[in-house]
Amino acid sequence: MTATPPSLLGESPAFLAALAHVSRVAPLERPVLVIGERGTGKELIAARLHYLSQRWDRPFVKVNCAALPEPLLDSELFGHEAGAFTGATRRQIGRIEQADGGTLFLDEIATASPAVQEKLLRAVEYGEIERVGGRTATVDVRVVGATNADLPALAAAGRFRADLLDRLAFDVVTLPPLRARPDDIPPLAEHFALGMIRELQRPLFPGFTDAALDRLCGHDWPGNVRELRNAVERSVAAADPDGPLDHIVLDPFASPWRPAAAPTASREVARTDVAPAPAQPPVRTPAFEGGILDQVRAFEASILSEALERHRFNQRQTAEALGLGYHQLRGMLKKHGLIPPAHLRP
């Protein structure tokens, strides 16, 4: 079966320029660095570099350098001999040897320790690795590293080997964040929505309302495509399947009952050079009669009533303001007998 590069969706100039860059550098037998914010698709780009290269039919091996402490990362990458350490009962072939003839993708490469960086340099420079326990092996591996860190700044600060950076940075592919490619947001959102519809086994996707698309296109997406996918999928799952998707759940943690953030250490340190703030009068909450359960129920009903009035009885806007799904809000309104009269519904 012929392997194909992973499909990547987007038509914005910045994104197409990055793909063209990948196509130019992929056939070259040289290391590549892929730089981008979290969620921009660095692993997909690394896979594309592999499958567009002459190594497409050989192994594509992935290692997340941030997921393992130094001793385990060393053993995972370079392997070990039997008896190299307690519990090493047999020889283990490392990921670099597993990728022999193919491509090794090192995600979060900036987190690798100096000792691991030194051994990586020898692997990239001379094609030699040393297993933990002393055996040396020769490998033919193309290395693709990825990070969201500023590697030149880390090298200047002595926190990343400058000679390794020189070897890895034969070419550098920098991925644009989603906010730099706003025209790609609607087709990406549609793609993720259709995928969720298939997973939910619904017959069709009614589409997004204009308000929902405005919300998607107006968000800055610090988590990029990964965050967009999560937001669209959770919104589709919570939406009424019979109508177009109107409510986008951007923050799944939003709730009027969300615990307050704990004070940071800097806030807890006493300051003698700052005048104390004037005492604030205590916030008074409405008095409710009855036992605690009756009071909680009455307090919940008051929050719902005030929110409905504040949003002119628009239930979708009210749900969004309260951090609830549309159907969650409807259930709570029914529970408290707060479904607005027909003439007040938006």
C-alpha atoms as a PDB file:
ATOM      1  CA  MET A   1       0.000   0.000   0.000  1.00  0.00           C
ATOM      2  CA  THR A   2       1.384   3.416  -0.958  1.00  0.00           C
ATOM      3  CA  ALA A   3       1.778   5.834   1.942  1.00  0.00           C
ATOM      4  CA  THR A   4       0.456   9.342   1.449  1.00  0.00           C
ATOM      5  CA  PRO A   5       1.204  12.554   3.343  1.00  0.00           C
ATOM      6  CA  PRO A   6      -1.454  13.603   5.863  1.00  0.00           C
ATOM      7  CA  SER A   7      -4.092  15.950   4.486  1.00  0.00           C
ATOM      8  CA  LEU A   8      -3.925  19.498   5.798  1.00  0.00           C
ATOM      9  CA  LEU A   9      -6.855  21.864   5.348  1.00  0.00           C
ATOM     10  CA  GLY A  10      -6.353  25.530   4.583  1.00  0.00           C
ATOM     11  CA  GLU A  11      -6.131  28.027   1.738  1.00  0.00           C
ATOM     12  CA  SER A  12      -4.815  31.182   3.411  1.00  0.00           C
ATOM     13  CA  PRO A  13      -1.623  32.650   1.889  1.00  0.00           C
ATOM     14  CA  ALA A  14       0.370  32.135   5.109  1.00  0.00           C
ATOM     15  CA  PHE A  15      -0.621  28.474   5.343  1.00  0.00           C
ATOM     16  CA  LEU A  16      -0.035  27.747   1.652  1.00  0.00           C
ATOM     17  CA  ALA A  17       3.401  29.376   1.905  1.00  0.00           C
ATOM     18  CA  ALA A  18       4.288  27.040   4.790  1.00  0.00           C
ATOM     19  CA  LEU A  19       3.132  24.001   2.788  1.00  0.00           C
ATOM     20  CA  ALA A  20       5.179  25.133  -0.212  1.00  0.00           C
ATOM     21  CA  HIS A  21       8.204  25.448   2.072  1.00  0.00           C
ATOM     22  CA  VAL A  22       7.632  21.875   3.284  1.00  0.00           C
ATOM     23  CA  SER A  23       7.403  20.599  -0.295  1.00  0.00           C
ATOM     24  CA  ARG A  24      10.728  22.262  -1.176  1.00  0.00           C
ATOM     25  CA  VAL A  25      12.673  20.910   1.798  1.00  0.00           C
ATOM     26  CA  ALA A  26      11.089  17.437   2.069  1.00  0.00           C
ATOM     27  CA  PRO A  27      13.225  15.746  -0.640  1.00  0.00           C
ATOM     28  CA  LEU A  28      16.491  16.955   0.913  1.00  0.00           C
ATOM     29  CA  GLU A  29      18.402  14.507   3.115  1.00  0.00           C
ATOM     30  CA  ARG A  30      18.952  17.075   5.842  1.00  0.00           C
ATOM     31  CA  PRO A  31      17.580  17.797   9.340  1.00  0.00           C
ATOM     32  CA  VAL A  32      14.668  20.209   9.670  1.00  0.00           C
ATOM     33  CA  LEU A  33      13.216  22.180  12.573  1.00  0.00           C
ATOM     34  CA  VAL A  34       9.472  22.827  12.715  1.00  0.00           C
ATOM     35  CA  ILE A  35       8.615  25.854  14.838  1.00  0.00           C
ATOM     36  CA  GLY A  36       5.111  26.831  15.887  1.00  0.00           C
ATOM     37  CA  GLU A  37       2.769  27.557  18.748  1.00  0.00           C
ATOM     38  CA  ARG A  38       0.949  24.718  20.478  1.00  0.00           C
ATOM     39  CA  GLY A  39      -1.824  23.274  18.388  1.00  0.00           C
ATOM     40  CA  THR A  40      -0.508  24.456  15.012  1.00  0.00           C
ATOM     41  CA  GLY A  41       0.054  20.930  13.677  1.00  0.00           C
ATOM     42  CA  LYS A  42       3.812  20.456  14.007  1.00  0.00           C
ATOM     43  CA  GLU A  43       3.535  16.659  14.069  1.00  0.00           C
ATOM     44  CA  LEU A  44       1.406  16.672  10.906  1.00  0.00           C
ATOM     45  CA  ILE A  45       4.028  18.798   9.175  1.00  0.00           C
ATOM     46  CA  ALA A  46       6.786  16.419  10.314  1.00  0.00           C
ATOM     47  CA  ALA A  47       4.802  13.506   8.872  1.00  0.00           C
ATOM     48  CA  ARG A  48       4.379  15.417   5.628  1.00  0.00           C
ATOM     49  CA  LEU A  49       8.143  16.009   5.459  1.00  0.00           C
ATOM     50  CA  HIS A  50       8.646  12.265   5.828  1.00  0.00           C
ATOM     51  CA  TYR A  51       6.062  11.082   3.308  1.00  0.00           C
ATOM     52  CA  LEU A  52       7.183  13.580   0.656  1.00  0.00           C
ATOM     53  CA  SER A  53      10.799  12.440   1.020  1.00  0.00           C
ATOM     54  CA  GLN A  54      12.686   9.517  -0.477  1.00  0.00           C
ATOM     55  CA  ARG A  55      12.242   7.803   2.898  1.00  0.00           C
ATOM     56  CA  TRP A  56       8.442   7.613   2.594  1.00  0.00           C
ATOM     57  CA  ASP A  57       8.425   3.785   2.680  1.00  0.00           C
ATOM     58  CA  ARG A  58      10.679   3.527   5.736  1.00  0.00           C
ATOM     59  CA  PRO A  59       9.823   4.039   9.436  1.00  0.00           C
ATOM     60  CA  PHE A  60       8.489   7.337  10.768  1.00  0.00           C
ATOM     61  CA  VAL A  61       9.253   7.212  14.490  1.00  0.00           C
ATOM     62  CA  LYS A  62       7.954   9.800  16.977  1.00  0.00           C
ATOM     63  CA  VAL A  63       9.335  10.711  20.396  1.00  0.00           C
ATOM     64  CA  ASN A  64       8.003  13.376  22.773  1.00  0.00           C
ATOM     65  CA  CYS A  65      11.110  14.595  24.601  1.00  0.00           C
ATOM     66  CA  ALA A  66       9.034  16.358  27.264  1.00  0.00           C
ATOM     67  CA  ALA A  67       7.210  13.186  28.286  1.00  0.00           C
ATOM     68  CA  LEU A  68      10.210  11.379  29.780  1.00  0.00           C
ATOM     69  CA  PRO A  69      12.824  12.275  32.402  1.00  0.00           C
ATOM     70  CA  GLU A  70      16.461  12.287  31.264  1.00  0.00           C
ATOM     71  CA  PRO A  71      17.464   8.660  32.095  1.00  0.00           C
ATOM     72  CA  LEU A  72      14.355   7.229  30.458  1.00  0.00           C
ATOM     73  CA  LEU A  73      14.651   9.527  27.435  1.00  0.00           C
ATOM     74  CA  ASP A  74      18.283   8.477  26.979  1.00  0.00           C
ATOM     75  CA  SER A  75      17.326   4.799  27.053  1.00  0.00           C
ATOM     76  CA  GLU A  76      14.237   5.383  24.878  1.00  0.00           C
ATOM     77  CA  LEU A  77      16.241   7.168  22.189  1.00  0.00           C
ATOM     78  CA  PHE A  78      19.496   5.229  22.198  1.00  0.00           C
ATOM     79  CA  GLY A  79      18.494   1.872  23.661  1.00  0.00           C
ATOM     80  CA  HIS A  80      20.425  -0.102  26.263  1.00  0.00           C
ATOM     81  CA  GLU A  81      22.370  -3.289  26.700  1.00  0.00           C
ATOM     82  CA  ALA A  82      21.332  -6.098  29.014  1.00  0.00           C
ATOM     83  CA  GLY A  83      22.570  -5.351  32.530  1.00  0.00           C
ATOM     84  CA  ALA A  84      23.126  -1.641  31.830  1.00  0.00           C
ATOM     85  CA  PHE A  85      21.037  -0.781  34.888  1.00  0.00           C
ATOM     86  CA  THR A  86      18.758  -2.442  37.395  1.00  0.00           C
ATOM     87  CA  GLY A  87      15.875  -4.087  35.567  1.00  0.00           C
ATOM     88  CA  ALA A  88      17.607  -4.123  32.160  1.00  0.00           C
ATOM     89  CA  THR A  89      17.346  -7.880  31.625  1.00  0.00           C
ATOM     90  CA  ARG A  90      17.765  -7.772  27.839  1.00  0.00           C
ATOM     91  CA  ARG A  91      18.972  -5.519  25.066  1.00  0.00           C
ATOM     92  CA  GLN A  92      16.502  -2.837  23.973  1.00  0.00           C
ATOM     93  CA  ILE A  93      16.719  -1.186  20.570  1.00  0.00           C
ATOM     94  CA  GLY A  94      16.170   2.553  20.883  1.00  0.00           C
ATOM     95  CA  ARG A  95      13.878   4.735  18.814  1.00  0.00           C
ATOM     96  CA  ILE A  96      16.777   6.061  16.731  1.00  0.00           C
ATOM     97  CA  GLU A  97      17.709   2.542  15.609  1.00  0.00           C
ATOM     98  CA  GLN A  98      14.035   1.791  14.992  1.00  0.00           C
ATOM     99  CA  ALA A  99      13.992   4.766  12.613  1.00  0.00           C
ATOM    100  CA  ASP A 100      17.060   3.545  10.689  1.00  0.00           C
ATOM    101  CA  GLY A 101      16.587   4.431   7.034  1.00  0.00           C
ATOM    102  CA  GLY A 102      13.600   6.626   7.873  1.00  0.00           C
ATOM    103  CA  THR A 103      12.732   9.726   9.867  1.00  0.00           C
ATOM    104  CA  LEU A 104      12.913  10.440  13.586  1.00  0.00           C
ATOM    105  CA  PHE A 105      10.523  13.115  14.840  1.00  0.00           C
ATOM    106  CA  LEU A 106      11.637  14.717  18.110  1.00  0.00           C
ATOM    107  CA  ASP A 107       8.749  16.734  19.535  1.00  0.00           C
ATOM    108  CA  GLU A 108       9.501  19.312  22.257  1.00  0.00           C
ATOM    109  CA  ILE A 109      13.194  18.973  21.484  1.00  0.00           C
ATOM    110  CA  ALA A 110      14.023  22.079  23.555  1.00  0.00           C
ATOM    111  CA  THR A 111      13.332  20.073  26.728  1.00  0.00           C
ATOM    112  CA  ALA A 112      16.064  17.486  26.065  1.00  0.00           C
ATOM    113  CA  SER A 113      18.831  17.535  28.682  1.00  0.00           C
ATOM    114  CA  PRO A 114      22.418  18.615  27.826  1.00  0.00           C
ATOM    115  CA  ALA A 115      23.583  14.980  28.024  1.00  0.00           C
ATOM    116  CA  VAL A 116      20.915  13.826  25.579  1.00  0.00           C
ATOM    117  CA  GLN A 117      21.660  16.802  23.315  1.00  0.00           C
ATOM    118  CA  GLU A 118      25.324  15.803  23.196  1.00  0.00           C
ATOM    119  CA  LYS A 119      24.465  12.263  22.102  1.00  0.00           C
ATOM    120  CA  LEU A 120      21.947  13.592  19.570  1.00  0.00           C
ATOM    121  CA  LEU A 121      24.639  15.805  18.079  1.00  0.00           C
ATOM    122  CA  ARG A 122      26.842  12.773  17.436  1.00  0.00           C
ATOM    123  CA  ALA A 123      23.906  10.901  15.897  1.00  0.00           C
ATOM    124  CA  VAL A 124      23.110  13.792  13.553  1.00  0.00           C
ATOM    125  CA  GLU A 125      26.727  14.628  12.758  1.00  0.00           C
ATOM    126  CA  TYR A 126      28.249  11.171  12.340  1.00  0.00           C
ATOM    127  CA  GLY A 127      25.327   8.739  12.280  1.00  0.00           C
ATOM    128  CA  GLU A 128      26.612   7.044  15.422  1.00  0.00           C
ATOM    129  CA  ILE A 129      24.754   6.238  18.618  1.00  0.00           C
ATOM    130  CA  GLU A 130      25.880   4.653  21.851  1.00  0.00           C
ATOM    131  CA  ARG A 131      23.451   2.451  23.697  1.00  0.00           C
ATOM    132  CA  VAL A 132      23.294   2.786  27.474  1.00  0.00           C
ATOM    133  CA  GLY A 133      25.842   0.207  28.569  1.00  0.00           C
ATOM    134  CA  GLY A 134      28.497   0.955  25.976  1.00  0.00           C
ATOM    135  CA  ARG A 135      27.681  -0.548  22.561  1.00  0.00           C
ATOM    136  CA  THR A 136      28.015   1.714  19.514  1.00  0.00           C
ATOM    137  CA  ALA A 137      25.801   1.389  16.441  1.00  0.00           C
ATOM    138  CA  THR A 138      25.655   3.157  13.084  1.00  0.00           C
ATOM    139  CA  VAL A 139      22.355   4.553  11.841  1.00  0.00           C
ATOM    140  CA  ASP A 140      20.990   6.439   8.849  1.00  0.00           C
ATOM    141  CA  VAL A 141      18.250   8.675  10.217  1.00  0.00           C
ATOM    142  CA  ARG A 142      16.807  12.001   9.172  1.00  0.00           C
ATOM    143  CA  VAL A 143      15.949  14.074  12.239  1.00  0.00           C
ATOM    144  CA  VAL A 144      12.980  16.461  12.317  1.00  0.00           C
ATOM    145  CA  GLY A 145      12.730  18.460  15.535  1.00  0.00           C
ATOM    146  CA  ALA A 146       9.777  20.508  16.718  1.00  0.00           C
ATOM    147  CA  THR A 147       9.281  23.086  19.435  1.00  0.00           C
ATOM    148  CA  ASN A 148       7.394  26.237  20.357  1.00  0.00           C
ATOM    149  CA  ALA A 149      10.452  27.600  22.170  1.00  0.00           C
ATOM    150  CA  ASP A 150      12.905  30.237  20.927  1.00  0.00           C
ATOM    151  CA  LEU A 151      15.875  27.948  20.296  1.00  0.00           C
ATOM    152  CA  PRO A 152      18.351  30.706  19.294  1.00  0.00           C
ATOM    153  CA  ALA A 153      17.566  32.520  22.567  1.00  0.00           C
ATOM    154  CA  LEU A 154      17.992  29.281  24.538  1.00  0.00           C
ATOM    155  CA  ALA A 155      21.318  28.643  22.797  1.00  0.00           C
ATOM    156  CA  ALA A 156      22.500  32.192  23.561  1.00  0.00           C
ATOM    157  CA  ALA A 157      21.588  31.624  27.218  1.00  0.00           C
ATOM    158  CA  GLY A 158      23.507  28.325  27.310  1.00  0.00           C
ATOM    159  CA  ARG A 159      20.346  26.236  27.733  1.00  0.00           C
ATOM    160  CA  PHE A 160      20.548  24.523  24.335  1.00  0.00           C
ATOM    161  CA  ARG A 161      23.680  23.367  22.533  1.00  0.00           C
ATOM    162  CA  ALA A 162      24.567  25.880  19.841  1.00  0.00           C
ATOM    163  CA  ASP A 163      26.381  23.229  17.773  1.00  0.00           C
ATOM    164  CA  LEU A 164      23.329  20.957  17.818  1.00  0.00           C
ATOM    165  CA  LEU A 165      21.128  23.881  16.825  1.00  0.00           C
ATOM    166  CA  ASP A 166      23.464  24.608  13.912  1.00  0.00           C
ATOM    167  CA  ARG A 167      23.111  21.027  12.690  1.00  0.00           C
ATOM    168  CA  LEU A 168      19.343  20.798  13.152  1.00  0.00           C
ATOM    169  CA  ALA A 169      18.607  24.174  11.602  1.00  0.00           C
ATOM    170  CA  PHE A 170      19.605  23.259   8.054  1.00  0.00           C
ATOM    171  CA  ASP A 171      16.120  24.537   7.316  1.00  0.00           C
ATOM    172  CA  VAL A 172      13.402  25.858   9.591  1.00  0.00           C
ATOM    173  CA  VAL A 173       9.687  25.640   8.808  1.00  0.00           C
ATOM    174  CA  THR A 174       7.701  28.145  10.858  1.00  0.00           C
ATOM    175  CA  LEU A 175       3.958  27.493  11.062  1.00  0.00           C
ATOM    176  CA  PRO A 176       1.507  30.405  11.174  1.00  0.00           C
ATOM    177  CA  PRO A 177      -0.881  30.565  14.148  1.00  0.00           C
ATOM    178  CA  LEU A 178      -4.582  30.263  13.409  1.00  0.00           C
ATOM    179  CA  ARG A 179      -5.140  33.974  14.085  1.00  0.00           C
ATOM    180  CA  ALA A 180      -2.858  34.690  11.096  1.00  0.00           C
ATOM    181  CA  ARG A 181      -5.075  32.602   8.794  1.00  0.00           C
ATOM    182  CA  PRO A 182      -8.662  33.679   9.676  1.00  0.00           C
ATOM    183  CA  ASP A 183     -10.039  32.628   6.281  1.00  0.00           C
ATOM    184  CA  ASP A 184      -9.270  29.021   7.200  1.00  0.00           C
ATOM    185  CA  ILE A 185     -11.405  29.043  10.346  1.00  0.00           C
ATOM    186  CA  PRO A 186     -14.833  28.401   8.682  1.00  0.00           C
ATOM    187  CA  PRO A 187     -13.701  25.427   6.539  1.00  0.00           C
ATOM    188  CA  LEU A 188     -11.755  23.941   9.444  1.00  0.00           C
ATOM    189  CA  ALA A 189     -14.768  24.345  11.732  1.00  0.00           C
ATOM    190  CA  GLU A 190     -17.018  22.701   9.130  1.00  0.00           C
ATOM    191  CA  HIS A 191     -14.548  19.823   8.793  1.00  0.00           C
ATOM    192  CA  PHE A 192     -14.420  19.197  12.549  1.00  0.00           C
ATOM    193  CA  ALA A 193     -18.193  19.535  12.876  1.00  0.00           C
ATOM    194  CA  LEU A 194     -18.790  16.923  10.164  1.00  0.00           C
ATOM    195  CA  GLY A 195     -16.365  14.566  11.879  1.00  0.00           C
ATOM    196  CA  MET A 196     -18.267  14.926  15.152  1.00  0.00           C
ATOM    197  CA  ILE A 197     -21.599  14.419  13.375  1.00  0.00           C
ATOM    198  CA  ARG A 198     -20.313  11.115  11.984  1.00  0.00           C
ATOM    199  CA  GLU A 199     -19.095  10.077  15.443  1.00  0.00           C
ATOM    200  CA  LEU A 200     -22.517  10.881  16.907  1.00  0.00           C
ATOM    201  CA  GLN A 201     -24.163   9.009  14.012  1.00  0.00           C
ATOM    202  CA  ARG A 202     -26.399  11.918  13.157  1.00  0.00           C
ATOM    203  CA  PRO A 203     -27.758  12.077   9.591  1.00  0.00           C
ATOM    204  CA  LEU A 204     -26.572  15.594   8.761  1.00  0.00           C
ATOM    205  CA  PHE A 205     -25.009  18.794  10.049  1.00  0.00           C
ATOM    206  CA  PRO A 206     -27.399  21.781   9.761  1.00  0.00           C
ATOM    207  CA  GLY A 207     -24.476  24.225   9.645  1.00  0.00           C
ATOM    208  CA  PHE A 208     -23.478  27.243  11.723  1.00  0.00           C
ATOM    209  CA  THR A 209     -25.546  30.347  12.271  1.00  0.00           C
ATOM    210  CA  ASP A 210     -23.968  33.685  11.338  1.00  0.00           C
ATOM    211  CA  ALA A 211     -23.605  34.480  15.035  1.00  0.00           C
ATOM    212  CA  ALA A 212     -21.717  31.232  15.639  1.00  0.00           C
ATOM    213  CA  LEU A 213     -19.368  31.889  12.721  1.00  0.00           C
ATOM    214  CA  ASP A 214     -18.776  35.417  13.996  1.00  0.00           C
ATOM    215  CA  ARG A 215     -17.889  33.971  17.384  1.00  0.00           C
ATOM    216  CA  LEU A 216     -15.472  31.494  15.843  1.00  0.00           C
ATOM    217  CA  CYS A 217     -13.811  34.076  13.627  1.00  0.00           C
ATOM    218  CA  GLY A 218     -13.639  36.654  16.428  1.00  0.00           C
ATOM    219  CA  HIS A 219     -11.750  34.421  18.875  1.00  0.00           C
ATOM    220  CA  ASP A 220      -7.939  34.672  18.945  1.00  0.00           C
ATOM    221  CA  TRP A 221      -7.417  30.895  19.402  1.00  0.00           C
ATOM    222  CA  PRO A 222      -4.324  30.740  21.628  1.00  0.00           C
ATOM    223  CA  GLY A 223      -4.510  26.932  21.327  1.00  0.00           C
ATOM    224  CA  ASN A 224      -4.771  27.203  17.527  1.00  0.00           C
ATOM    225  CA  VAL A 225      -6.260  24.363  15.458  1.00  0.00           C
ATOM    226  CA  ARG A 226      -6.362  21.944  18.400  1.00  0.00           C
ATOM    227  CA  GLU A 227      -8.410  24.427  20.439  1.00  0.00           C
ATOM    228  CA  LEU A 228     -10.710  25.096  17.474  1.00  0.00           C
ATOM    229  CA  ARG A 229     -11.342  21.388  17.039  1.00  0.00           C
ATOM    230  CA  ASN A 230     -12.188  20.918  20.716  1.00  0.00           C
ATOM    231  CA  ALA A 231     -14.524  23.935  20.746  1.00  0.00           C
ATOM    232  CA  VAL A 232     -16.383  22.858  17.614  1.00  0.00           C
ATOM    233  CA  GLU A 233     -16.725  19.223  18.678  1.00  0.00           C
ATOM    234  CA  ARG A 234     -18.020  20.019  22.174  1.00  0.00           C
ATOM    235  CA  SER A 235     -20.415  22.604  20.718  1.00  0.00           C
ATOM    236  CA  VAL A 236     -21.801  20.120  18.187  1.00  0.00           C
ATOM    237  CA  ALA A 237     -22.228  17.496  20.900  1.00  0.00           C
ATOM    238  CA  ALA A 238     -24.198  19.927  23.095  1.00  0.00           C
ATOM    239  CA  ALA A 239     -26.285  21.493  20.308  1.00  0.00           C
ATOM    240  CA  ASP A 240     -29.852  20.834  19.245  1.00  0.00           C
ATOM    241  CA  PRO A 241     -29.419  18.380  16.325  1.00  0.00           C
ATOM    242  CA  ASP A 242     -32.485  19.719  14.549  1.00  0.00           C
ATOM    243  CA  GLY A 243     -31.265  23.265  13.979  1.00  0.00           C
ATOM    244  CA  PRO A 244     -28.114  25.119  12.932  1.00  0.00           C
ATOM    245  CA  LEU A 245     -25.412  25.391  15.580  1.00  0.00           C
ATOM    246  CA  ASP A 246     -25.767  28.781  17.274  1.00  0.00           C
ATOM    247  CA  HIS A 247     -23.856  28.454  20.558  1.00  0.00           C
ATOM    248  CA  ILE A 248     -20.065  27.970  20.618  1.00  0.00           C
ATOM    249  CA  VAL A 249     -18.719  26.632  23.917  1.00  0.00           C
ATOM    250  CA  LEU A 250     -15.277  28.252  24.004  1.00  0.00           C
ATOM    251  CA  ASP A 251     -14.584  27.771  27.703  1.00  0.00           C
ATOM    252  CA  PRO A 252     -15.745  24.431  29.130  1.00  0.00           C
ATOM    253  CA  PHE A 253     -14.787  25.643  32.622  1.00  0.00           C
ATOM    254  CA  ALA A 254     -17.092  28.675  32.538  1.00  0.00           C
ATOM    255  CA  SER A 255     -19.632  28.411  35.335  1.00  0.00           C
ATOM    256  CA  PRO A 256     -21.094  30.706  37.993  1.00  0.00           C
ATOM    257  CA  TRP A 257     -19.997  28.061  40.526  1.00  0.00           C
ATOM    258  CA  ARG A 258     -16.392  27.836  39.348  1.00  0.00           C
ATOM    259  CA  PRO A 259     -14.017  27.889  42.359  1.00  0.00           C
ATOM    260  CA  ALA A 260     -12.043  31.086  42.837  1.00  0.00           C
ATOM    261  CA  ALA A 261      -8.364  30.942  41.920  1.00  0.00           C
ATOM    262  CA  ALA A 262      -6.006  30.354  44.830  1.00  0.00           C
ATOM    263  CA  PRO A 263      -3.851  33.369  45.728  1.00  0.00           C
ATOM    264  CA  THR A 264      -0.376  33.296  44.225  1.00  0.00           C
ATOM    265  CA  ALA A 265       2.742  33.469  46.355  1.00  0.00           C
ATOM    266  CA  SER A 266       3.405  37.028  45.241  1.00  0.00           C
ATOM    267  CA  ARG A 267       0.007  38.095  46.503  1.00  0.00           C
ATOM    268  CA  GLU A 268       0.581  36.447  49.866  1.00  0.00           C
ATOM    269  CA  VAL A 269       3.840  38.273  50.587  1.00  0.00           C
ATOM    270  CA  ALA A 270       3.241  41.215  52.897  1.00  0.00           C
ATOM    271  CA  ARG A 271       4.196  44.619  51.529  1.00  0.00           C
ATOM    272  CA  THR A 272       5.235  47.303  54.005  1.00  0.00           C
ATOM    273  CA  ASP A 273       5.683  50.001  51.378  1.00  0.00           C
ATOM    274  CA  VAL A 274       2.106  49.918  50.132  1.00  0.00           C
ATOM    275  CA  ALA A 275      -0.743  51.547  52.008  1.00  0.00           C
ATOM    276  CA  PRO A 276      -3.462  49.074  52.921  1.00  0.00           C
ATOM    277  CA  ALA A 277      -6.549  49.232  50.771  1.00  0.00           C
ATOM    278  CA  PRO A 278      -9.625  50.667  52.449  1.00  0.00           C
ATOM    279  CA  ALA A 279     -11.912  48.056  53.890  1.00  0.00           C
ATOM    280  CA  GLN A 280     -14.721  47.108  51.578  1.00  0.00           C
ATOM    281  CA  PRO A 281     -18.220  46.520  52.882  1.00  0.00           C
ATOM    282  CA  PRO A 282     -19.193  42.863  52.842  1.00  0.00           C
ATOM    283  CA  VAL A 283     -21.183  41.681  49.848  1.00  0.00           C
ATOM    284  CA  ARG A 284     -24.706  40.920  50.910  1.00  0.00           C
ATOM    285  CA  THR A 285     -26.504  38.055  49.289  1.00  0.00           C
ATOM    286  CA  PRO A 286     -30.279  37.875  49.092  1.00  0.00           C
ATOM    287  CA  ALA A 287     -31.938  36.303  52.116  1.00  0.00           C
ATOM    288  CA  PHE A 288     -33.843  33.123  51.410  1.00  0.00           C
ATOM    289  CA  GLU A 289     -36.104  31.323  53.828  1.00  0.00           C
ATOM    290  CA  GLY A 290     -36.337  27.618  54.567  1.00  0.00           C
ATOM    291  CA  GLY A 291     -33.780  24.869  54.952  1.00  0.00           C
ATOM    292  CA  ILE A 292     -30.473  24.817  53.104  1.00  0.00           C
ATOM    293  CA  LEU A 293     -31.836  22.869  50.128  1.00  0.00           C
ATOM    294  CA  ASP A 294     -34.734  25.304  49.740  1.00  0.00           C
ATOM    295  CA  GLN A 295     -32.303  28.219  49.950  1.00  0.00           C
ATOM    296  CA  VAL A 296     -29.974  26.723  47.323  1.00  0.00           C
ATOM    297  CA  ARG A 297     -32.946  26.118  45.020  1.00  0.00           C
ATOM    298  CA  ALA A 298     -34.216  29.684  45.499  1.00  0.00           C
ATOM    299  CA  PHE A 299     -30.720  31.128  44.934  1.00  0.00           C
ATOM    300  CA  GLU A 300     -30.340  29.124  41.715  1.00  0.00           C
ATOM    301  CA  ALA A 301     -33.744  30.321  40.500  1.00  0.00           C
ATOM    302  CA  SER A 302     -32.808  33.945  41.233  1.00  0.00           C
ATOM    303  CA  ILE A 303     -29.584  33.632  39.191  1.00  0.00           C
ATOM    304  CA  LEU A 304     -31.524  32.177  36.270  1.00  0.00           C
ATOM    305  CA  SER A 305     -34.244  34.835  36.438  1.00  0.00           C
ATOM    306  CA  GLU A 306     -31.783  37.728  36.563  1.00  0.00           C
ATOM    307  CA  ALA A 307     -29.728  36.286  33.700  1.00  0.00           C
ATOM    308  CA  LEU A 308     -32.835  35.815  31.549  1.00  0.00           C
ATOM    309  CA  GLU A 309     -33.946  39.398  32.093  1.00  0.00           C
ATOM    310  CA  ARG A 310     -30.428  40.716  31.504  1.00  0.00           C
ATOM    311  CA  HIS A 311     -30.324  38.961  28.123  1.00  0.00           C
ATOM    312  CA  ARG A 312     -33.909  39.857  27.191  1.00  0.00           C
ATOM    313  CA  PHE A 313     -35.024  36.235  27.557  1.00  0.00           C
ATOM    314  CA  ASN A 314     -32.670  35.034  24.801  1.00  0.00           C
ATOM    315  CA  GLN A 315     -31.986  31.540  26.082  1.00  0.00           C
ATOM    316  CA  ARG A 316     -28.883  30.866  23.990  1.00  0.00           C
ATOM    317  CA  GLN A 317     -27.229  34.101  25.134  1.00  0.00           C
ATOM    318  CA  THR A 318     -28.267  33.338  28.704  1.00  0.00           C
ATOM    319  CA  ALA A 319     -26.778  29.851  28.507  1.00  0.00           C
ATOM    320  CA  GLU A 320     -23.517  31.232  27.156  1.00  0.00           C
ATOM    321  CA  ALA A 321     -23.323  33.881  29.883  1.00  0.00           C
ATOM    322  CA  LEU A 322     -23.865  31.256  32.580  1.00  0.00           C
ATOM    323  CA  GLY A 323     -21.425  28.780  31.062  1.00  0.00           C
ATOM    324  CA  LEU A 324     -24.165  26.257  30.352  1.00  0.00           C
ATOM    325  CA  GLY A 325     -25.138  24.273  27.292  1.00  0.00           C
ATOM    326  CA  TYR A 326     -28.443  25.228  25.705  1.00  0.00           C
ATOM    327  CA  HIS A 327     -30.127  22.001  26.806  1.00  0.00           C
ATOM    328  CA  GLN A 328     -28.665  22.321  30.305  1.00  0.00           C
ATOM    329  CA  LEU A 329     -30.257  25.759  30.628  1.00  0.00           C
ATOM    330  CA  ARG A 330     -33.602  24.516  29.278  1.00  0.00           C
ATOM    331  CA  GLY A 331     -33.609  21.724  31.853  1.00  0.00           C
ATOM    332  CA  MET A 332     -32.895  24.139  34.701  1.00  0.00           C
ATOM    333  CA  LEU A 333     -35.557  26.571  33.519  1.00  0.00           C
ATOM    334  CA  LYS A 334     -38.122  23.769  33.428  1.00  0.00           C
ATOM    335  CA  LYS A 335     -37.022  22.653  36.883  1.00  0.00           C
ATOM    336  CA  HIS A 336     -37.760  26.100  38.319  1.00  0.00           C
ATOM    337  CA  GLY A 337     -40.804  26.838  36.163  1.00  0.00           C
ATOM    338  CA  LEU A 338     -39.007  29.694  34.410  1.00  0.00           C
ATOM    339  CA  ILE A 339     -39.735  28.946  30.740  1.00  0.00           C
ATOM    340  CA  PRO A 340     -40.632  32.436  29.438  1.00  0.00           C
ATOM    341  CA  PRO A 341     -44.055  33.098  27.987  1.00  0.00           C
ATOM    342  CA  ALA A 342     -44.274  32.727  24.211  1.00  0.00           C
ATOM    343  CA  HIS A 343     -44.572  36.509  23.636  1.00  0.00           C
ATOM    344  CA  LEU A 344     -41.258  37.090  25.468  1.00  0.00           C
ATOM    345  CA  ARG A 345     -39.234  34.435  23.670  1.00  0.00           C
ATOM    346  CA  PRO A 346     -36.669  35.742  21.159  1.00  0.00           C
END
